[in-house]
Amino acid sequence: MSPFNVHIIHQQHNLTLTILYEKDYYKIIYFGGIVGAIRNHGHDWELVPEDEILASDLPPFEYQENRQGIANLQLNTPEINQIAGAIENHLSHIHE
């Protein structure tokens, strides 16, 4: 599956994230760094433990306060739910 972009609202910012499918989970990329990954278990989505995320050419995302326009993105329940919904929406369109 090719990488694709999704949009979420985080701290009143509209963020664009890149989603990259890896074996049984989806890596979440923000400004060239890996924020984390989520996987689907039936109807529930869960955060993948950091030590289970395969290493890649991308570094972990590191927030820097002096980079204007970049939010300090952390994957909490609201963000995971938004990302999961966007992934499901994307997948439903490619299977039509």
PDB file of N, CA and C in Angstrom:
ATOM      1  N   MET A   1       0.847  -1.178   0.000  1.00  0.00           N
ATOM      2  CA  MET A   1       0.000   0.000   0.000  1.00  0.00           C
ATOM      3  C   MET A   1       0.891   1.239   0.000  1.00  0.00           C
ATOM      4  N   SER A   2       0.556   2.185  -0.833  1.00  0.00           N
ATOM      5  CA  SER A   2       1.309   3.437  -0.909  1.00  0.00           C
ATOM      6  C   SER A   2       0.994   4.324   0.283  1.00  0.00           C
ATOM      7  N   PRO A   3       1.967   5.148   0.705  1.00  0.00           N
ATOM      8  CA  PRO A   3       1.680   6.111   1.778  1.00  0.00           C
ATOM      9  C   PRO A   3       0.564   7.057   1.340  1.00  0.00           C
ATOM     10  N   PHE A   4      -0.179   7.569   2.319  1.00  0.00           N
ATOM     11  CA  PHE A   4      -1.244   8.522   2.025  1.00  0.00           C
ATOM     12  C   PHE A   4      -1.324   9.542   3.153  1.00  0.00           C
ATOM     13  N   ASN A   5      -1.959  10.658   2.879  1.00  0.00           N
ATOM     14  CA  ASN A   5      -2.093  11.732   3.861  1.00  0.00           C
ATOM     15  C   ASN A   5      -3.490  11.745   4.475  1.00  0.00           C
ATOM     16  N   VAL A   6      -3.528  12.125   5.741  1.00  0.00           N
ATOM     17  CA  VAL A   6      -4.789  12.343   6.446  1.00  0.00           C
ATOM     18  C   VAL A   6      -4.692  13.681   7.155  1.00  0.00           C
ATOM     19  N   HIS A   7      -5.846  14.206   7.515  1.00  0.00           N
ATOM     20  CA  HIS A   7      -5.898  15.492   8.219  1.00  0.00           C
ATOM     21  C   HIS A   7      -6.620  15.305   9.547  1.00  0.00           C
ATOM     22  N   ILE A   8      -6.057  15.904  10.596  1.00  0.00           N
ATOM     23  CA  ILE A   8      -6.699  15.886  11.903  1.00  0.00           C
ATOM     24  C   ILE A   8      -6.639  17.279  12.510  1.00  0.00           C
ATOM     25  N   ILE A   9      -7.455  17.503  13.520  1.00  0.00           N
ATOM     26  CA  ILE A   9      -7.401  18.734  14.300  1.00  0.00           C
ATOM     27  C   ILE A   9      -6.709  18.406  15.617  1.00  0.00           C
ATOM     28  N   HIS A  10      -5.667  19.162  15.923  1.00  0.00           N
ATOM     29  CA  HIS A  10      -4.913  18.964  17.158  1.00  0.00           C
ATOM     30  C   HIS A  10      -4.601  20.341  17.750  1.00  0.00           C
ATOM     31  N   GLN A  11      -5.068  20.576  18.963  1.00  0.00           N
ATOM     32  CA  GLN A  11      -4.856  21.860  19.644  1.00  0.00           C
ATOM     33  C   GLN A  11      -5.215  23.032  18.733  1.00  0.00           C
ATOM     34  N   GLN A  12      -6.351  22.933  18.101  1.00  0.00           N
ATOM     35  CA  GLN A  12      -6.908  23.956  17.216  1.00  0.00           C
ATOM     36  C   GLN A  12      -6.071  24.186  15.961  1.00  0.00           C
ATOM     37  N   HIS A  13      -5.237  23.220  15.593  1.00  0.00           N
ATOM     38  CA  HIS A  13      -4.452  23.285  14.366  1.00  0.00           C
ATOM     39  C   HIS A  13      -4.909  22.163  13.446  1.00  0.00           C
ATOM     40  N   ASN A  14      -5.025  22.461  12.156  1.00  0.00           N
ATOM     41  CA  ASN A  14      -5.330  21.444  11.156  1.00  0.00           C
ATOM     42  C   ASN A  14      -3.994  20.850  10.709  1.00  0.00           C
ATOM     43  N   LEU A  15      -3.738  19.590  11.067  1.00  0.00           N
ATOM     44  CA  LEU A  15      -2.468  18.957  10.756  1.00  0.00           C
ATOM     45  C   LEU A  15      -2.616  17.950   9.625  1.00  0.00           C
ATOM     46  N   THR A  16      -1.599  17.879   8.784  1.00  0.00           N
ATOM     47  CA  THR A  16      -1.510  16.871   7.749  1.00  0.00           C
ATOM     48  C   THR A  16      -0.484  15.843   8.193  1.00  0.00           C
ATOM     49  N   LEU A  17      -0.897  14.593   8.239  1.00  0.00           N
ATOM     50  CA  LEU A  17      -0.023  13.496   8.628  1.00  0.00           C
ATOM     51  C   LEU A  17       0.102  12.527   7.460  1.00  0.00           C
ATOM     52  N   THR A  18       1.245  11.909   7.331  1.00  0.00           N
ATOM     53  CA  THR A  18       1.429  10.873   6.327  1.00  0.00           C
ATOM     54  C   THR A  18       1.315   9.527   7.025  1.00  0.00           C
ATOM     55  N   ILE A  19       0.577   8.625   6.415  1.00  0.00           N
ATOM     56  CA  ILE A  19       0.354   7.302   6.963  1.00  0.00           C
ATOM     57  C   ILE A  19       1.086   6.292   6.084  1.00  0.00           C
ATOM     58  N   LEU A  20       1.889   5.449   6.713  1.00  0.00           N
ATOM     59  CA  LEU A  20       2.688   4.460   6.008  1.00  0.00           C
ATOM     60  C   LEU A  20       2.375   3.087   6.589  1.00  0.00           C
ATOM     61  N   TYR A  21       1.836   2.198   5.751  1.00  0.00           N
ATOM     62  CA  TYR A  21       1.473   0.860   6.222  1.00  0.00           C
ATOM     63  C   TYR A  21       2.714  -0.001   6.369  1.00  0.00           C
ATOM     64  N   GLU A  22       2.829  -0.687   7.510  1.00  0.00           N
ATOM     65  CA  GLU A  22       3.920  -1.628   7.793  1.00  0.00           C
ATOM     66  C   GLU A  22       3.307  -2.895   8.362  1.00  0.00           C
ATOM     67  N   LYS A  23       3.577  -4.017   7.829  1.00  0.00           N
ATOM     68  CA  LYS A  23       3.089  -5.355   8.191  1.00  0.00           C
ATOM     69  C   LYS A  23       1.709  -5.386   8.820  1.00  0.00           C
ATOM     70  N   ASP A  24       1.488  -5.009  10.075  1.00  0.00           N
ATOM     71  CA  ASP A  24       0.147  -5.051  10.673  1.00  0.00           C
ATOM     72  C   ASP A  24      -0.219  -3.764  11.402  1.00  0.00           C
ATOM     73  N   TYR A  25       0.425  -2.681  11.048  1.00  0.00           N
ATOM     74  CA  TYR A  25       0.126  -1.397  11.687  1.00  0.00           C
ATOM     75  C   TYR A  25       0.409  -0.243  10.728  1.00  0.00           C
ATOM     76  N   TYR A  26       0.033   0.944  11.151  1.00  0.00           N
ATOM     77  CA  TYR A  26       0.198   2.149  10.347  1.00  0.00           C
ATOM     78  C   TYR A  26       1.114   3.121  11.074  1.00  0.00           C
ATOM     79  N   LYS A  27       2.252   3.450  10.447  1.00  0.00           N
ATOM     80  CA  LYS A  27       3.154   4.462  11.004  1.00  0.00           C
ATOM     81  C   LYS A  27       2.559   5.833  10.737  1.00  0.00           C
ATOM     82  N   ILE A  28       2.723   6.713  11.697  1.00  0.00           N
ATOM     83  CA  ILE A  28       2.209   8.078  11.582  1.00  0.00           C
ATOM     84  C   ILE A  28       3.413   9.010  11.484  1.00  0.00           C
ATOM     85  N   ILE A  29       3.503   9.707  10.361  1.00  0.00           N
ATOM     86  CA  ILE A  29       4.645  10.564  10.067  1.00  0.00           C
ATOM     87  C   ILE A  29       4.190  12.025  10.102  1.00  0.00           C
ATOM     88  N   TYR A  30       4.962  12.855  10.788  1.00  0.00           N
ATOM     89  CA  TYR A  30       4.666  14.290  10.878  1.00  0.00           C
ATOM     90  C   TYR A  30       5.970  15.051  10.709  1.00  0.00           C
ATOM     91  N   PHE A  31       6.023  15.936   9.717  1.00  0.00           N
ATOM     92  CA  PHE A  31       7.210  16.719   9.388  1.00  0.00           C
ATOM     93  C   PHE A  31       8.464  15.850   9.322  1.00  0.00           C
ATOM     94  N   GLY A  32       8.348  14.718   8.615  1.00  0.00           N
ATOM     95  CA  GLY A  32       9.497  13.872   8.350  1.00  0.00           C
ATOM     96  C   GLY A  32       9.945  12.980   9.484  1.00  0.00           C
ATOM     97  N   GLY A  33       9.188  12.943  10.577  1.00  0.00           N
ATOM     98  CA  GLY A  33       9.547  12.091  11.706  1.00  0.00           C
ATOM     99  C   GLY A  33       8.399  11.187  12.103  1.00  0.00           C
ATOM    100  N   ILE A  34       8.733  10.050  12.689  1.00  0.00           N
ATOM    101  CA  ILE A  34       7.721   9.097  13.123  1.00  0.00           C
ATOM    102  C   ILE A  34       7.183   9.515  14.486  1.00  0.00           C
ATOM    103  N   VAL A  35       5.886   9.815  14.531  1.00  0.00           N
ATOM    104  CA  VAL A  35       5.224  10.191  15.783  1.00  0.00           C
ATOM    105  C   VAL A  35       4.877   8.936  16.576  1.00  0.00           C
ATOM    106  N   GLY A  36       4.512   7.874  15.863  1.00  0.00           N
ATOM    107  CA  GLY A  36       4.108   6.627  16.490  1.00  0.00           C
ATOM    108  C   GLY A  36       3.434   5.761  15.456  1.00  0.00           C
ATOM    109  N   ALA A  37       2.687   4.776  15.938  1.00  0.00           N
ATOM    110  CA  ALA A  37       1.971   3.879  15.033  1.00  0.00           C
ATOM    111  C   ALA A  37       0.736   3.361  15.752  1.00  0.00           C
ATOM    112  N   ILE A  38      -0.286   3.030  14.947  1.00  0.00           N
ATOM    113  CA  ILE A  38      -1.505   2.442  15.502  1.00  0.00           C
ATOM    114  C   ILE A  38      -1.853   1.196  14.700  1.00  0.00           C
ATOM    115  N   ARG A  39      -2.574   0.291  15.356  1.00  0.00           N
ATOM    116  CA  ARG A  39      -3.044  -0.914  14.664  1.00  0.00           C
ATOM    117  C   ARG A  39      -4.512  -1.144  14.997  1.00  0.00           C
ATOM    118  N   ASN A  40      -5.163  -1.851  14.103  1.00  0.00           N
ATOM    119  CA  ASN A  40      -6.585  -2.145  14.234  1.00  0.00           C
ATOM    120  C   ASN A  40      -6.765  -3.537  14.820  1.00  0.00           C
ATOM    121  N   HIS A  41      -7.573  -3.621  15.873  1.00  0.00           N
ATOM    122  CA  HIS A  41      -7.968  -4.904  16.464  1.00  0.00           C
ATOM    123  C   HIS A  41      -9.488  -4.985  16.394  1.00  0.00           C
ATOM    124  N   GLY A  42     -10.000  -5.453  15.271  1.00  0.00           N
ATOM    125  CA  GLY A  42     -11.453  -5.524  15.089  1.00  0.00           C
ATOM    126  C   GLY A  42     -12.026  -4.132  14.931  1.00  0.00           C
ATOM    127  N   HIS A  43     -12.763  -3.669  15.936  1.00  0.00           N
ATOM    128  CA  HIS A  43     -13.352  -2.333  15.884  1.00  0.00           C
ATOM    129  C   HIS A  43     -12.563  -1.330  16.703  1.00  0.00           C
ATOM    130  N   ASP A  44     -11.501  -1.772  17.357  1.00  0.00           N
ATOM    131  CA  ASP A  44     -10.699  -0.895  18.210  1.00  0.00           C
ATOM    132  C   ASP A  44      -9.326  -0.657  17.598  1.00  0.00           C
ATOM    133  N   TRP A  45      -8.829   0.543  17.809  1.00  0.00           N
ATOM    134  CA  TRP A  45      -7.482   0.896  17.380  1.00  0.00           C
ATOM    135  C   TRP A  45      -6.646   1.117  18.628  1.00  0.00           C
ATOM    136  N   GLU A  46      -5.380   0.715  18.548  1.00  0.00           N
ATOM    137  CA  GLU A  46      -4.501   0.883  19.695  1.00  0.00           C
ATOM    138  C   GLU A  46      -3.147   1.417  19.258  1.00  0.00           C
ATOM    139  N   LEU A  47      -2.507   2.078  20.179  1.00  0.00           N
ATOM    140  CA  LEU A  47      -1.163   2.588  19.955  1.00  0.00           C
ATOM    141  C   LEU A  47      -0.188   1.414  19.985  1.00  0.00           C
ATOM    142  N   VAL A  48       0.700   1.356  19.017  1.00  0.00           N
ATOM    143  CA  VAL A  48       1.713   0.304  18.955  1.00  0.00           C
ATOM    144  C   VAL A  48       2.860   0.711  19.880  1.00  0.00           C
ATOM    145  N   PRO A  49       3.299  -0.192  20.754  1.00  0.00           N
ATOM    146  CA  PRO A  49       4.441   0.135  21.611  1.00  0.00           C
ATOM    147  C   PRO A  49       5.662   0.527  20.766  1.00  0.00           C
ATOM    148  N   GLU A  50       6.398   1.489  21.232  1.00  0.00           N
ATOM    149  CA  GLU A  50       7.530   2.033  20.485  1.00  0.00           C
ATOM    150  C   GLU A  50       8.524   0.942  20.072  1.00  0.00           C
ATOM    151  N   ASP A  51       8.755  -0.037  20.939  1.00  0.00           N
ATOM    152  CA  ASP A  51       9.743  -1.081  20.626  1.00  0.00           C
ATOM    153  C   ASP A  51       9.249  -2.073  19.570  1.00  0.00           C
ATOM    154  N   GLU A  52       7.979  -1.991  19.174  1.00  0.00           N
ATOM    155  CA  GLU A  52       7.444  -2.862  18.118  1.00  0.00           C
ATOM    156  C   GLU A  52       7.430  -2.174  16.750  1.00  0.00           C
ATOM    157  N   ILE A  53       7.758  -0.893  16.711  1.00  0.00           N
ATOM    158  CA  ILE A  53       7.760  -0.155  15.442  1.00  0.00           C
ATOM    159  C   ILE A  53       9.087  -0.418  14.739  1.00  0.00           C
ATOM    160  N   LEU A  54       9.007  -0.950  13.508  1.00  0.00           N
ATOM    161  CA  LEU A  54      10.213  -1.260  12.750  1.00  0.00           C
ATOM    162  C   LEU A  54      11.018  -0.002  12.458  1.00  0.00           C
ATOM    163  N   ALA A  55      12.326  -0.126  12.594  1.00  0.00           N
ATOM    164  CA  ALA A  55      13.219   0.985  12.273  1.00  0.00           C
ATOM    165  C   ALA A  55      13.129   1.277  10.778  1.00  0.00           C
ATOM    166  N   SER A  56      13.356   2.521  10.429  1.00  0.00           N
ATOM    167  CA  SER A  56      13.310   2.903   9.016  1.00  0.00           C
ATOM    168  C   SER A  56      14.274   4.052   8.798  1.00  0.00           C
ATOM    169  N   ASP A  57      14.203   4.607   7.601  1.00  0.00           N
ATOM    170  CA  ASP A  57      15.055   5.750   7.277  1.00  0.00           C
ATOM    171  C   ASP A  57      14.591   7.018   7.976  1.00  0.00           C
ATOM    172  N   LEU A  58      13.396   6.993   8.538  1.00  0.00           N
ATOM    173  CA  LEU A  58      12.844   8.178   9.184  1.00  0.00           C
ATOM    174  C   LEU A  58      13.195   8.203  10.664  1.00  0.00           C
ATOM    175  N   PRO A  59      13.548   9.376  11.173  1.00  0.00           N
ATOM    176  CA  PRO A  59      13.841   9.494  12.602  1.00  0.00           C
ATOM    177  C   PRO A  59      12.544   9.645  13.389  1.00  0.00           C
ATOM    178  N   PRO A  60      12.598   9.496  14.702  1.00  0.00           N
ATOM    179  CA  PRO A  60      11.422   9.827  15.517  1.00  0.00           C
ATOM    180  C   PRO A  60      11.153  11.332  15.416  1.00  0.00           C
ATOM    181  N   PHE A  61       9.881  11.708  15.504  1.00  0.00           N
ATOM    182  CA  PHE A  61       9.521  13.127  15.495  1.00  0.00           C
ATOM    183  C   PHE A  61       9.961  13.762  16.810  1.00  0.00           C
ATOM    184  N   GLU A  62      10.653  14.892  16.702  1.00  0.00           N
ATOM    185  CA  GLU A  62      11.066  15.635  17.889  1.00  0.00           C
ATOM    186  C   GLU A  62      10.565  17.062  17.765  1.00  0.00           C
ATOM    187  N   TYR A  63       9.730  17.455  18.706  1.00  0.00           N
ATOM    188  CA  TYR A  63       9.168  18.804  18.703  1.00  0.00           C
ATOM    189  C   TYR A  63      10.245  19.812  19.091  1.00  0.00           C
ATOM    190  N   GLN A  64      10.297  20.919  18.337  1.00  0.00           N
ATOM    191  CA  GLN A  64      11.211  22.016  18.649  1.00  0.00           C
ATOM    192  C   GLN A  64      10.391  23.286  18.731  1.00  0.00           C
ATOM    193  N   GLU A  65      10.414  23.942  19.870  1.00  0.00           N
ATOM    194  CA  GLU A  65       9.575  25.130  20.089  1.00  0.00           C
ATOM    195  C   GLU A  65       9.824  26.241  19.095  1.00  0.00           C
ATOM    196  N   ASN A  66      11.026  26.362  18.583  1.00  0.00           N
ATOM    197  CA  ASN A  66      11.338  27.479  17.694  1.00  0.00           C
ATOM    198  C   ASN A  66      10.931  27.240  16.242  1.00  0.00           C
ATOM    199  N   ARG A  67      10.351  26.096  15.922  1.00  0.00           N
ATOM    200  CA  ARG A  67       9.879  25.831  14.559  1.00  0.00           C
ATOM    201  C   ARG A  67       8.431  26.281  14.436  1.00  0.00           C
ATOM    202  N   GLN A  68       8.254  27.435  13.841  1.00  0.00           N
ATOM    203  CA  GLN A  68       6.931  28.035  13.718  1.00  0.00           C
ATOM    204  C   GLN A  68       6.020  27.179  12.842  1.00  0.00           C
ATOM    205  N   GLY A  69       4.766  27.050  13.275  1.00  0.00           N
ATOM    206  CA  GLY A  69       3.767  26.344  12.492  1.00  0.00           C
ATOM    207  C   GLY A  69       3.750  24.838  12.695  1.00  0.00           C
ATOM    208  N   ILE A  70       4.576  24.339  13.588  1.00  0.00           N
ATOM    209  CA  ILE A  70       4.611  22.899  13.852  1.00  0.00           C
ATOM    210  C   ILE A  70       4.099  22.657  15.258  1.00  0.00           C
ATOM    211  N   ALA A  71       3.014  21.911  15.358  1.00  0.00           N
ATOM    212  CA  ALA A  71       2.404  21.624  16.658  1.00  0.00           C
ATOM    213  C   ALA A  71       3.167  20.524  17.383  1.00  0.00           C
ATOM    214  N   ASN A  72       3.074  20.539  18.703  1.00  0.00           N
ATOM    215  CA  ASN A  72       3.667  19.479  19.523  1.00  0.00           C
ATOM    216  C   ASN A  72       2.692  18.308  19.546  1.00  0.00           C
ATOM    217  N   LEU A  73       2.773  17.465  18.540  1.00  0.00           N
ATOM    218  CA  LEU A  73       1.825  16.374  18.376  1.00  0.00           C
ATOM    219  C   LEU A  73       2.176  15.205  19.279  1.00  0.00           C
ATOM    220  N   GLN A  74       1.200  14.785  20.077  1.00  0.00           N
ATOM    221  CA  GLN A  74       1.310  13.591  20.896  1.00  0.00           C
ATOM    222  C   GLN A  74       0.080  12.744  20.624  1.00  0.00           C
ATOM    223  N   LEU A  75       0.264  11.448  20.604  1.00  0.00           N
ATOM    224  CA  LEU A  75      -0.841  10.548  20.270  1.00  0.00           C
ATOM    225  C   LEU A  75      -1.594  10.132  21.525  1.00  0.00           C
ATOM    226  N   ASN A  76      -2.662  10.833  21.770  1.00  0.00           N
ATOM    227  CA  ASN A  76      -3.577  10.512  22.864  1.00  0.00           C
ATOM    228  C   ASN A  76      -4.871   9.999  22.237  1.00  0.00           C
ATOM    229  N   THR A  77      -5.824   9.626  23.057  1.00  0.00           N
ATOM    230  CA  THR A  77      -7.066   9.042  22.550  1.00  0.00           C
ATOM    231  C   THR A  77      -7.747   9.889  21.474  1.00  0.00           C
ATOM    232  N   PRO A  78      -7.896  11.221  21.651  1.00  0.00           N
ATOM    233  CA  PRO A  78      -8.566  11.991  20.583  1.00  0.00           C
ATOM    234  C   PRO A  78      -7.819  11.940  19.250  1.00  0.00           C
ATOM    235  N   GLU A  79      -6.500  11.999  19.305  1.00  0.00           N
ATOM    236  CA  GLU A  79      -5.712  11.954  18.077  1.00  0.00           C
ATOM    237  C   GLU A  79      -5.787  10.566  17.442  1.00  0.00           C
ATOM    238  N   ILE A  80      -5.668   9.526  18.259  1.00  0.00           N
ATOM    239  CA  ILE A  80      -5.752   8.161  17.740  1.00  0.00           C
ATOM    240  C   ILE A  80      -7.114   7.931  17.074  1.00  0.00           C
ATOM    241  N   ASN A  81      -8.183   8.390  17.707  1.00  0.00           N
ATOM    242  CA  ASN A  81      -9.522   8.221  17.132  1.00  0.00           C
ATOM    243  C   ASN A  81      -9.661   8.951  15.809  1.00  0.00           C
ATOM    244  N   GLN A  82      -9.145  10.164  15.716  1.00  0.00           N
ATOM    245  CA  GLN A  82      -9.223  10.919  14.462  1.00  0.00           C
ATOM    246  C   GLN A  82      -8.419  10.239  13.362  1.00  0.00           C
ATOM    247  N   ILE A  83      -7.209   9.814  13.701  1.00  0.00           N
ATOM    248  CA  ILE A  83      -6.341   9.163  12.708  1.00  0.00           C
ATOM    249  C   ILE A  83      -6.965   7.850  12.259  1.00  0.00           C
ATOM    250  N   ALA A  84      -7.469   7.067  13.205  1.00  0.00           N
ATOM    251  CA  ALA A  84      -8.110   5.785  12.866  1.00  0.00           C
ATOM    252  C   ALA A  84      -9.295   6.015  11.927  1.00  0.00           C
ATOM    253  N   GLY A  85     -10.114   7.013  12.218  1.00  0.00           N
ATOM    254  CA  GLY A  85     -11.255   7.324  11.353  1.00  0.00           C
ATOM    255  C   GLY A  85     -10.809   7.728   9.962  1.00  0.00           C
ATOM    256  N   ALA A  86      -9.742   8.515   9.878  1.00  0.00           N
ATOM    257  CA  ALA A  86      -9.230   8.948   8.579  1.00  0.00           C
ATOM    258  C   ALA A  86      -8.653   7.768   7.799  1.00  0.00           C
ATOM    259  N   ILE A  87      -7.974   6.850   8.492  1.00  0.00           N
ATOM    260  CA  ILE A  87      -7.443   5.651   7.829  1.00  0.00           C
ATOM    261  C   ILE A  87      -8.601   4.797   7.312  1.00  0.00           C
ATOM    262  N   GLU A  88      -9.616   4.568   8.144  1.00  0.00           N
ATOM    263  CA  GLU A  88     -10.771   3.774   7.714  1.00  0.00           C
ATOM    264  C   GLU A  88     -11.456   4.416   6.513  1.00  0.00           C
ATOM    265  N   ASN A  89     -11.586   5.726   6.528  1.00  0.00           N
ATOM    266  CA  ASN A  89     -12.190   6.445   5.406  1.00  0.00           C
ATOM    267  C   ASN A  89     -11.359   6.246   4.138  1.00  0.00           C
ATOM    268  N   HIS A  90     -10.068   6.385   4.255  1.00  0.00           N
ATOM    269  CA  HIS A  90      -9.180   6.193   3.106  1.00  0.00           C
ATOM    270  C   HIS A  90      -9.304   4.767   2.560  1.00  0.00           C
ATOM    271  N   LEU A  91      -9.251   3.786   3.465  1.00  0.00           N
ATOM    272  CA  LEU A  91      -9.325   2.394   3.033  1.00  0.00           C
ATOM    273  C   LEU A  91     -10.663   2.064   2.370  1.00  0.00           C
ATOM    274  N   SER A  92     -11.749   2.666   2.857  1.00  0.00           N
ATOM    275  CA  SER A  92     -13.063   2.396   2.261  1.00  0.00           C
ATOM    276  C   SER A  92     -13.121   2.920   0.828  1.00  0.00           C
ATOM    277  N   HIS A  93     -12.389   4.000   0.534  1.00  0.00           N
ATOM    278  CA  HIS A  93     -12.400   4.551  -0.824  1.00  0.00           C
ATOM    279  C   HIS A  93     -11.530   3.755  -1.782  1.00  0.00           C
ATOM    280  N   ILE A  94     -10.476   3.124  -1.294  1.00  0.00           N
ATOM    281  CA  ILE A  94      -9.644   2.360  -2.227  1.00  0.00           C
ATOM    282  C   ILE A  94     -10.212   0.974  -2.490  1.00  0.00           C
ATOM    283  N   HIS A  95     -11.157   0.532  -1.662  1.00  0.00           N
ATOM    284  CA  HIS A  95     -11.786  -0.775  -1.867  1.00  0.00           C
ATOM    285  C   HIS A  95     -13.113  -0.683  -2.616  1.00  0.00           C
ATOM    286  N   GLU A  96     -13.471   0.499  -3.079  1.00  0.00           N
ATOM    287  CA  GLU A  96     -14.737   0.666  -3.811  1.00  0.00           C
ATOM    288  C   GLU A  96     -14.617   0.200  -5.240  1.00  0.00           C
TER     289      GLU A  96
END
